[in-house]
Amino acid sequence: MSVFVPITSFVRMQLTWRGSLLLRPPPTGLRCVLAAGKKDLIDLPVLVEDELEEQFVRGSGPGGQATNKTSNCVVLKHIPTGIVVKCHQTRSVDINRKRAREIMREKLDVTYKGELSEVVMKKKESVLRKQEKRRKANENLERKRLFKEALASDSKPGNDTV
């Protein structure tokens, strides 16, 4: 269970992804929270329940009768922005409601902040790490191939220099 602590408009210190300290003011016009249980996503917009429209519909996908007879899929709509989130990850309505709200907060963060959103920045970092890992793997494979070719050319029967 995570505890949400509201942050006032004072300047606060945040850890950047490199671990150094960075001073920056909170975004203007948005209410932000500090999620105690989540280390990854530090400041996300607060969901106001009056701005949300919630429906429970029947889910889709595998599951047969358990899926077809119960309405435990949560459809959450943020009225001011028109963003719709559909969550049917578990059979529990309560868990689906919580997860739908988490997804909605992340989508609102991306909508409000754009490229400066922590969700987008984490995704970019992940893509860059993956590209770097692939590049290093390809370099190692090329090095091994060249080494095998050099060994093969040295061991050919007409190459004896005595």
N, C-alpha and C. Protein backbone atom coordinates (compact mmCIF):
# COMPACT_ATOMS: atom_id res chain seq x y z
N MET A 1 0.85 -1.17 0.00
CA MET A 1 0.00 0.00 0.00
C MET A 1 0.89 1.23 0.00
N SER A 2 0.71 2.12 -0.97
CA SER A 2 1.53 3.32 -1.03
C SER A 2 0.78 4.49 -0.41
N VAL A 3 1.52 5.35 0.23
CA VAL A 3 0.96 6.52 0.89
C VAL A 3 1.29 7.72 0.03
N PHE A 4 0.32 8.57 -0.27
CA PHE A 4 0.54 9.73 -1.10
C PHE A 4 0.63 10.98 -0.22
N VAL A 5 1.71 11.73 -0.40
CA VAL A 5 1.93 12.93 0.38
C VAL A 5 1.89 14.11 -0.58
N PRO A 6 0.99 15.07 -0.40
CA PRO A 6 0.94 16.21 -1.32
C PRO A 6 2.16 17.11 -1.17
N ILE A 7 2.64 17.61 -2.28
CA ILE A 7 3.80 18.49 -2.31
C ILE A 7 3.31 19.91 -2.53
N THR A 8 3.79 20.85 -1.73
CA THR A 8 3.39 22.24 -1.90
C THR A 8 4.25 22.87 -2.99
N SER A 9 4.13 24.17 -3.19
CA SER A 9 4.78 24.81 -4.33
C SER A 9 6.24 25.18 -4.09
N PHE A 10 6.85 24.72 -3.02
CA PHE A 10 8.26 25.03 -2.81
C PHE A 10 9.14 24.18 -3.73
N VAL A 11 10.36 24.66 -3.91
CA VAL A 11 11.30 23.95 -4.76
C VAL A 11 11.79 22.73 -4.00
N ARG A 12 11.78 21.57 -4.66
CA ARG A 12 12.22 20.37 -3.99
C ARG A 12 13.36 19.71 -4.75
N MET A 13 14.12 18.92 -4.03
CA MET A 13 15.24 18.25 -4.65
C MET A 13 14.79 16.87 -5.14
N GLN A 14 15.29 16.52 -6.33
CA GLN A 14 14.96 15.22 -6.89
C GLN A 14 16.25 14.53 -7.31
N LEU A 15 16.24 13.24 -7.28
CA LEU A 15 17.36 12.48 -7.80
C LEU A 15 17.13 12.25 -9.29
N THR A 16 18.10 12.58 -10.09
CA THR A 16 17.99 12.28 -11.51
C THR A 16 18.42 10.85 -11.72
N TRP A 17 18.32 10.36 -12.94
CA TRP A 17 18.63 8.95 -13.20
C TRP A 17 20.11 8.66 -13.05
N ARG A 18 20.98 9.67 -13.05
CA ARG A 18 22.40 9.44 -12.83
C ARG A 18 22.77 9.48 -11.36
N GLY A 19 21.83 9.87 -10.51
CA GLY A 19 22.09 9.87 -9.08
C GLY A 19 22.51 11.22 -8.54
N SER A 20 22.68 12.23 -9.38
CA SER A 20 23.06 13.55 -8.88
C SER A 20 21.81 14.32 -8.47
N LEU A 21 21.98 15.34 -7.66
CA LEU A 21 20.85 16.12 -7.19
C LEU A 21 20.51 17.22 -8.18
N LEU A 22 19.25 17.48 -8.33
CA LEU A 22 18.78 18.47 -9.28
C LEU A 22 17.68 19.30 -8.60
N LEU A 23 17.80 20.61 -8.65
CA LEU A 23 16.76 21.47 -8.10
C LEU A 23 15.86 21.91 -9.24
N ARG A 24 14.57 21.70 -9.07
CA ARG A 24 13.64 22.19 -10.07
C ARG A 24 12.30 22.45 -9.41
N PRO A 25 11.60 23.49 -9.86
CA PRO A 25 10.29 23.77 -9.28
C PRO A 25 9.27 22.77 -9.82
N PRO A 26 8.21 22.52 -9.07
CA PRO A 26 7.16 21.63 -9.58
C PRO A 26 6.46 22.27 -10.76
N PRO A 27 5.85 21.49 -11.64
CA PRO A 27 5.17 22.06 -12.80
C PRO A 27 4.03 22.97 -12.37
N THR A 28 3.86 24.06 -13.10
CA THR A 28 2.83 25.03 -12.74
C THR A 28 1.47 24.52 -13.19
N GLY A 29 0.47 24.78 -12.37
CA GLY A 29 -0.89 24.42 -12.72
C GLY A 29 -1.25 22.98 -12.45
N LEU A 30 -0.29 22.16 -12.05
CA LEU A 30 -0.57 20.76 -11.77
C LEU A 30 -0.32 20.47 -10.31
N ARG A 31 -1.18 19.68 -9.73
CA ARG A 31 -0.93 19.21 -8.37
C ARG A 31 -0.17 17.90 -8.49
N CYS A 32 0.90 17.77 -7.75
CA CYS A 32 1.74 16.59 -7.85
C CYS A 32 1.81 15.90 -6.50
N VAL A 33 2.11 14.62 -6.53
CA VAL A 33 2.26 13.87 -5.30
C VAL A 33 3.58 13.12 -5.32
N LEU A 34 4.04 12.82 -4.15
CA LEU A 34 5.23 12.01 -3.99
C LEU A 34 4.77 10.63 -3.58
N ALA A 35 4.99 9.65 -4.42
CA ALA A 35 4.53 8.29 -4.14
C ALA A 35 5.57 7.59 -3.29
N ALA A 36 5.21 7.26 -2.07
CA ALA A 36 6.17 6.63 -1.15
C ALA A 36 6.50 5.21 -1.57
N GLY A 37 5.56 4.51 -2.16
CA GLY A 37 5.79 3.12 -2.53
C GLY A 37 6.48 2.94 -3.87
N LYS A 38 6.51 3.99 -4.70
CA LYS A 38 7.09 3.88 -6.03
C LYS A 38 8.36 4.70 -6.10
N LYS A 39 9.47 4.05 -6.33
CA LYS A 39 10.73 4.75 -6.46
C LYS A 39 10.93 5.27 -7.88
N ASP A 40 10.33 4.58 -8.85
CA ASP A 40 10.56 4.92 -10.25
C ASP A 40 9.87 6.21 -10.66
N LEU A 41 8.59 6.29 -10.43
CA LEU A 41 7.82 7.45 -10.87
C LEU A 41 7.56 8.35 -9.67
N ILE A 42 8.26 9.47 -9.63
CA ILE A 42 8.22 10.29 -8.43
C ILE A 42 7.02 11.21 -8.42
N ASP A 43 6.85 12.03 -9.44
CA ASP A 43 5.75 12.99 -9.33
C ASP A 43 4.79 12.84 -10.50
N LEU A 44 3.59 12.40 -10.17
CA LEU A 44 2.52 12.18 -11.13
C LEU A 44 1.34 13.06 -10.74
N PRO A 45 0.51 13.45 -11.72
CA PRO A 45 -0.64 14.29 -11.36
C PRO A 45 -1.64 13.54 -10.48
N VAL A 46 -2.33 14.29 -9.68
CA VAL A 46 -3.34 13.73 -8.78
C VAL A 46 -4.63 13.55 -9.58
N LEU A 47 -5.28 12.42 -9.39
CA LEU A 47 -6.57 12.19 -10.04
C LEU A 47 -7.68 12.74 -9.16
N VAL A 48 -8.50 13.57 -9.72
CA VAL A 48 -9.67 14.10 -9.03
C VAL A 48 -10.85 13.22 -9.43
N GLU A 49 -11.49 12.61 -8.45
CA GLU A 49 -12.56 11.64 -8.73
C GLU A 49 -13.74 12.27 -9.47
N ASP A 50 -13.95 13.58 -9.30
CA ASP A 50 -15.06 14.24 -10.00
C ASP A 50 -14.81 14.33 -11.50
N GLU A 51 -13.54 14.26 -11.92
CA GLU A 51 -13.18 14.36 -13.32
C GLU A 51 -13.14 12.99 -14.00
N LEU A 52 -13.43 11.93 -13.26
CA LEU A 52 -13.36 10.58 -13.80
C LEU A 52 -14.74 9.99 -14.00
N GLU A 53 -14.90 9.25 -15.08
CA GLU A 53 -16.12 8.52 -15.35
C GLU A 53 -15.73 7.04 -15.40
N GLU A 54 -16.36 6.24 -14.56
CA GLU A 54 -15.97 4.84 -14.42
C GLU A 54 -17.11 3.92 -14.82
N GLN A 55 -16.78 2.89 -15.61
CA GLN A 55 -17.76 1.90 -16.02
C GLN A 55 -17.17 0.51 -15.79
N PHE A 56 -18.03 -0.44 -15.56
CA PHE A 56 -17.61 -1.83 -15.43
C PHE A 56 -18.27 -2.61 -16.56
N VAL A 57 -17.45 -3.17 -17.42
CA VAL A 57 -17.96 -3.90 -18.58
C VAL A 57 -17.39 -5.31 -18.58
N ARG A 58 -17.91 -6.14 -19.44
CA ARG A 58 -17.38 -7.49 -19.57
C ARG A 58 -16.07 -7.45 -20.33
N GLY A 59 -15.13 -8.20 -19.81
CA GLY A 59 -13.82 -8.23 -20.44
C GLY A 59 -13.80 -9.12 -21.66
N SER A 60 -12.65 -9.16 -22.30
CA SER A 60 -12.48 -10.01 -23.48
C SER A 60 -11.20 -10.81 -23.30
N GLY A 61 -11.01 -11.76 -24.18
CA GLY A 61 -9.81 -12.58 -24.13
C GLY A 61 -10.07 -13.95 -23.55
N PRO A 62 -8.99 -14.69 -23.25
CA PRO A 62 -9.16 -16.05 -22.75
C PRO A 62 -9.77 -16.05 -21.35
N GLY A 63 -10.41 -17.13 -21.00
CA GLY A 63 -11.00 -17.25 -19.67
C GLY A 63 -12.36 -17.90 -19.69
N GLY A 64 -12.96 -17.97 -20.89
CA GLY A 64 -14.22 -18.68 -21.02
C GLY A 64 -15.35 -18.08 -20.21
N GLN A 65 -16.05 -18.94 -19.48
CA GLN A 65 -17.24 -18.52 -18.74
C GLN A 65 -16.90 -17.50 -17.66
N ALA A 66 -15.73 -17.64 -17.03
CA ALA A 66 -15.34 -16.70 -15.97
C ALA A 66 -15.24 -15.28 -16.52
N THR A 67 -14.80 -15.15 -17.75
CA THR A 67 -14.68 -13.83 -18.37
C THR A 67 -16.01 -13.35 -18.93
N ASN A 68 -16.74 -14.25 -19.54
CA ASN A 68 -17.94 -13.86 -20.27
C ASN A 68 -19.13 -13.52 -19.37
N LYS A 69 -19.16 -14.00 -18.13
CA LYS A 69 -20.32 -13.78 -17.27
C LYS A 69 -20.12 -12.69 -16.23
N THR A 70 -18.88 -12.21 -16.04
CA THR A 70 -18.63 -11.21 -15.01
C THR A 70 -18.22 -9.88 -15.65
N SER A 71 -18.65 -8.80 -15.07
CA SER A 71 -18.29 -7.46 -15.56
C SER A 71 -17.21 -6.89 -14.65
N ASN A 72 -16.01 -7.37 -14.79
CA ASN A 72 -14.93 -6.89 -13.94
C ASN A 72 -13.87 -6.11 -14.71
N CYS A 73 -14.13 -5.78 -15.95
CA CYS A 73 -13.24 -4.93 -16.73
C CYS A 73 -13.60 -3.47 -16.41
N VAL A 74 -12.60 -2.68 -16.05
CA VAL A 74 -12.82 -1.29 -15.66
C VAL A 74 -12.47 -0.37 -16.83
N VAL A 75 -13.41 0.48 -17.21
CA VAL A 75 -13.17 1.49 -18.24
C VAL A 75 -13.22 2.84 -17.53
N LEU A 76 -12.10 3.54 -17.56
CA LEU A 76 -11.96 4.81 -16.85
C LEU A 76 -11.74 5.92 -17.87
N LYS A 77 -12.54 6.98 -17.80
CA LYS A 77 -12.42 8.09 -18.73
C LYS A 77 -12.14 9.37 -17.95
N HIS A 78 -11.11 10.10 -18.38
CA HIS A 78 -10.80 11.40 -17.79
C HIS A 78 -11.53 12.44 -18.63
N ILE A 79 -12.54 13.05 -18.06
CA ILE A 79 -13.45 13.92 -18.81
C ILE A 79 -12.75 15.15 -19.41
N PRO A 80 -11.89 15.89 -18.68
CA PRO A 80 -11.29 17.09 -19.28
C PRO A 80 -10.40 16.79 -20.50
N THR A 81 -9.67 15.68 -20.49
CA THR A 81 -8.76 15.38 -21.60
C THR A 81 -9.33 14.38 -22.58
N GLY A 82 -10.32 13.59 -22.16
CA GLY A 82 -10.90 12.59 -23.04
C GLY A 82 -10.10 11.30 -23.11
N ILE A 83 -9.12 11.12 -22.24
CA ILE A 83 -8.30 9.91 -22.22
C ILE A 83 -9.11 8.76 -21.63
N VAL A 84 -9.09 7.61 -22.31
CA VAL A 84 -9.82 6.43 -21.85
C VAL A 84 -8.82 5.31 -21.57
N VAL A 85 -8.98 4.68 -20.42
CA VAL A 85 -8.14 3.55 -20.02
C VAL A 85 -9.05 2.36 -19.75
N LYS A 86 -8.66 1.20 -20.27
CA LYS A 86 -9.42 -0.03 -20.05
C LYS A 86 -8.50 -1.02 -19.38
N CYS A 87 -8.91 -1.57 -18.25
CA CYS A 87 -8.06 -2.47 -17.48
C CYS A 87 -8.83 -3.74 -17.14
N HIS A 88 -8.31 -4.87 -17.62
CA HIS A 88 -8.89 -6.18 -17.32
C HIS A 88 -7.74 -7.16 -17.09
N GLN A 89 -6.85 -6.82 -16.16
CA GLN A 89 -5.67 -7.63 -15.92
C GLN A 89 -5.94 -8.78 -14.96
N THR A 90 -6.88 -8.61 -14.04
CA THR A 90 -7.19 -9.66 -13.08
C THR A 90 -8.70 -9.87 -13.02
N ARG A 91 -9.14 -10.85 -12.24
CA ARG A 91 -10.56 -11.09 -12.06
C ARG A 91 -11.15 -10.22 -10.97
N SER A 92 -10.30 -9.53 -10.21
CA SER A 92 -10.76 -8.69 -9.11
C SER A 92 -11.07 -7.28 -9.60
N VAL A 93 -12.27 -6.81 -9.30
CA VAL A 93 -12.67 -5.46 -9.70
C VAL A 93 -11.83 -4.42 -8.95
N ASP A 94 -11.56 -4.64 -7.66
CA ASP A 94 -10.80 -3.68 -6.87
C ASP A 94 -9.39 -3.50 -7.42
N ILE A 95 -8.73 -4.60 -7.73
CA ILE A 95 -7.36 -4.51 -8.27
C ILE A 95 -7.38 -3.84 -9.64
N ASN A 96 -8.36 -4.18 -10.47
CA ASN A 96 -8.47 -3.55 -11.78
C ASN A 96 -8.72 -2.05 -11.66
N ARG A 97 -9.51 -1.63 -10.67
CA ARG A 97 -9.76 -0.20 -10.46
C ARG A 97 -8.47 0.52 -10.09
N LYS A 98 -7.68 -0.08 -9.18
CA LYS A 98 -6.41 0.54 -8.77
C LYS A 98 -5.44 0.63 -9.94
N ARG A 99 -5.33 -0.45 -10.69
CA ARG A 99 -4.41 -0.46 -11.82
C ARG A 99 -4.85 0.51 -12.91
N ALA A 100 -6.15 0.63 -13.14
CA ALA A 100 -6.65 1.58 -14.13
C ALA A 100 -6.29 3.00 -13.73
N ARG A 101 -6.38 3.30 -12.45
CA ARG A 101 -6.01 4.64 -11.98
C ARG A 101 -4.51 4.88 -12.11
N GLU A 102 -3.69 3.89 -11.85
CA GLU A 102 -2.24 4.05 -12.03
C GLU A 102 -1.91 4.32 -13.50
N ILE A 103 -2.54 3.56 -14.39
CA ILE A 103 -2.31 3.76 -15.82
C ILE A 103 -2.78 5.15 -16.24
N MET A 104 -3.92 5.57 -15.72
CA MET A 104 -4.47 6.89 -16.05
C MET A 104 -3.52 8.00 -15.59
N ARG A 105 -2.96 7.86 -14.39
CA ARG A 105 -2.01 8.88 -13.90
C ARG A 105 -0.78 8.96 -14.81
N GLU A 106 -0.29 7.80 -15.26
CA GLU A 106 0.87 7.81 -16.15
C GLU A 106 0.53 8.46 -17.49
N LYS A 107 -0.65 8.15 -18.02
CA LYS A 107 -1.05 8.75 -19.30
C LYS A 107 -1.26 10.25 -19.17
N LEU A 108 -1.83 10.70 -18.05
CA LEU A 108 -1.99 12.14 -17.83
C LEU A 108 -0.64 12.83 -17.70
N ASP A 109 0.32 12.16 -17.06
CA ASP A 109 1.65 12.71 -16.92
C ASP A 109 2.28 12.92 -18.30
N VAL A 110 2.13 11.94 -19.17
CA VAL A 110 2.67 12.04 -20.54
C VAL A 110 1.94 13.14 -21.30
N THR A 111 0.63 13.24 -21.11
CA THR A 111 -0.15 14.26 -21.81
C THR A 111 0.25 15.67 -21.36
N TYR A 112 0.38 15.88 -20.06
CA TYR A 112 0.68 17.21 -19.54
C TYR A 112 2.14 17.62 -19.78
N LYS A 113 3.08 16.72 -19.58
CA LYS A 113 4.50 17.08 -19.64
C LYS A 113 5.15 16.77 -20.98
N GLY A 114 4.58 15.89 -21.76
CA GLY A 114 5.15 15.55 -23.06
C GLY A 114 6.50 14.85 -22.93
N GLU A 115 7.50 15.40 -23.59
CA GLU A 115 8.84 14.79 -23.61
C GLU A 115 9.53 14.86 -22.24
N LEU A 116 9.08 15.74 -21.36
CA LEU A 116 9.70 15.87 -20.03
C LEU A 116 9.10 14.90 -19.02
N SER A 117 8.14 14.11 -19.44
CA SER A 117 7.50 13.15 -18.55
C SER A 117 8.50 12.08 -18.14
N GLU A 118 8.42 11.66 -16.88
CA GLU A 118 9.34 10.64 -16.39
C GLU A 118 9.08 9.30 -17.05
N VAL A 119 7.84 9.03 -17.43
CA VAL A 119 7.51 7.79 -18.12
C VAL A 119 8.22 7.74 -19.47
N VAL A 120 8.16 8.85 -20.23
CA VAL A 120 8.80 8.91 -21.54
C VAL A 120 10.32 8.84 -21.39
N MET A 121 10.87 9.55 -20.39
CA MET A 121 12.31 9.54 -20.19
C MET A 121 12.81 8.14 -19.83
N LYS A 122 12.07 7.42 -18.99
CA LYS A 122 12.45 6.05 -18.63
C LYS A 122 12.42 5.14 -19.85
N LYS A 123 11.41 5.32 -20.71
CA LYS A 123 11.30 4.51 -21.92
C LYS A 123 12.49 4.79 -22.85
N LYS A 124 12.87 6.06 -23.00
CA LYS A 124 14.01 6.40 -23.85
C LYS A 124 15.30 5.81 -23.30
N GLU A 125 15.49 5.89 -21.98
CA GLU A 125 16.68 5.30 -21.36
C GLU A 125 16.73 3.81 -21.61
N SER A 126 15.59 3.15 -21.50
CA SER A 126 15.52 1.71 -21.73
C SER A 126 15.90 1.37 -23.17
N VAL A 127 15.38 2.15 -24.12
CA VAL A 127 15.70 1.91 -25.53
C VAL A 127 17.19 2.12 -25.78
N LEU A 128 17.77 3.18 -25.20
CA LEU A 128 19.20 3.44 -25.39
C LEU A 128 20.05 2.33 -24.79
N ARG A 129 19.68 1.85 -23.60
CA ARG A 129 20.43 0.74 -22.99
C ARG A 129 20.37 -0.51 -23.86
N LYS A 130 19.19 -0.77 -24.41
CA LYS A 130 19.03 -1.95 -25.26
C LYS A 130 19.86 -1.82 -26.53
N GLN A 131 19.88 -0.63 -27.14
CA GLN A 131 20.68 -0.41 -28.34
C GLN A 131 22.16 -0.57 -28.05
N GLU A 132 22.61 -0.06 -26.91
CA GLU A 132 24.02 -0.17 -26.54
C GLU A 132 24.40 -1.63 -26.30
N LYS A 133 23.53 -2.36 -25.66
CA LYS A 133 23.78 -3.78 -25.41
C LYS A 133 23.87 -4.55 -26.73
N ARG A 134 22.97 -4.27 -27.66
CA ARG A 134 22.98 -4.92 -28.97
C ARG A 134 24.25 -4.57 -29.73
N ARG A 135 24.69 -3.30 -29.67
CA ARG A 135 25.90 -2.87 -30.37
C ARG A 135 27.12 -3.61 -29.83
N LYS A 136 27.21 -3.74 -28.50
CA LYS A 136 28.34 -4.45 -27.90
C LYS A 136 28.32 -5.93 -28.28
N ALA A 137 27.14 -6.53 -28.31
CA ALA A 137 27.04 -7.94 -28.70
C ALA A 137 27.49 -8.14 -30.15
N ASN A 138 27.09 -7.23 -31.03
CA ASN A 138 27.51 -7.33 -32.43
C ASN A 138 29.02 -7.14 -32.58
N GLU A 139 29.60 -6.23 -31.80
CA GLU A 139 31.05 -6.05 -31.84
C GLU A 139 31.77 -7.31 -31.39
N ASN A 140 31.27 -7.95 -30.33
CA ASN A 140 31.89 -9.19 -29.86
C ASN A 140 31.78 -10.30 -30.90
N LEU A 141 30.63 -10.41 -31.54
CA LEU A 141 30.47 -11.43 -32.58
C LEU A 141 31.43 -11.19 -33.74
N GLU A 142 31.59 -9.94 -34.13
CA GLU A 142 32.51 -9.60 -35.23
C GLU A 142 33.95 -9.91 -34.84
N ARG A 143 34.32 -9.60 -33.60
CA ARG A 143 35.66 -9.90 -33.12
C ARG A 143 35.93 -11.41 -33.13
N LYS A 144 34.96 -12.19 -32.69
CA LYS A 144 35.10 -13.65 -32.69
C LYS A 144 35.23 -14.19 -34.11
N ARG A 145 34.43 -13.64 -35.03
CA ARG A 145 34.49 -14.09 -36.42
C ARG A 145 35.86 -13.81 -37.02
N LEU A 146 36.39 -12.62 -36.78
CA LEU A 146 37.73 -12.27 -37.29
C LEU A 146 38.80 -13.15 -36.68
N PHE A 147 38.66 -13.46 -35.39
CA PHE A 147 39.64 -14.32 -34.73
C PHE A 147 39.62 -15.73 -35.32
N LYS A 148 38.43 -16.27 -35.57
CA LYS A 148 38.32 -17.60 -36.17
C LYS A 148 38.89 -17.62 -37.58
N GLU A 149 38.65 -16.55 -38.34
CA GLU A 149 39.22 -16.47 -39.70
C GLU A 149 40.74 -16.42 -39.65
N ALA A 150 41.29 -15.68 -38.69
CA ALA A 150 42.74 -15.61 -38.55
C ALA A 150 43.31 -16.97 -38.17
N LEU A 151 42.66 -17.68 -37.26
CA LEU A 151 43.11 -19.02 -36.89
C LEU A 151 43.04 -19.98 -38.06
N ALA A 152 41.98 -19.90 -38.85
CA ALA A 152 41.80 -20.78 -40.00
C ALA A 152 42.85 -20.52 -41.07
N SER A 153 43.19 -19.25 -41.30
CA SER A 153 44.19 -18.93 -42.32
C SER A 153 45.60 -19.33 -41.86
N ASP A 154 45.87 -19.28 -40.55
CA ASP A 154 47.17 -19.69 -40.03
C ASP A 154 47.35 -21.19 -40.08
N SER A 155 46.28 -21.95 -39.96
CA SER A 155 46.39 -23.41 -39.90
C SER A 155 46.24 -24.07 -41.25
N LYS A 156 46.19 -23.33 -42.37
CA LYS A 156 46.08 -23.92 -43.69
C LYS A 156 47.37 -24.68 -44.03
N PRO A 157 47.27 -25.81 -44.76
CA PRO A 157 48.46 -26.62 -45.00
C PRO A 157 49.44 -25.96 -45.95
N GLY A 158 49.42 -25.00 -46.55
CA GLY A 158 50.48 -24.43 -47.40
C GLY A 158 51.13 -23.23 -46.78
N ASN A 159 50.83 -22.94 -45.54
CA ASN A 159 51.28 -21.72 -44.87
C ASN A 159 52.41 -21.97 -43.89
N ASP A 160 53.12 -23.07 -43.96
CA ASP A 160 54.17 -23.37 -43.00
C ASP A 160 55.43 -22.56 -43.31
N THR A 161 55.85 -21.74 -42.42
CA THR A 161 57.09 -20.97 -42.57
C THR A 161 58.06 -21.43 -41.51
N VAL A 162 59.00 -22.29 -41.87
CA VAL A 162 59.96 -22.82 -40.90
C VAL A 162 61.33 -22.36 -41.24
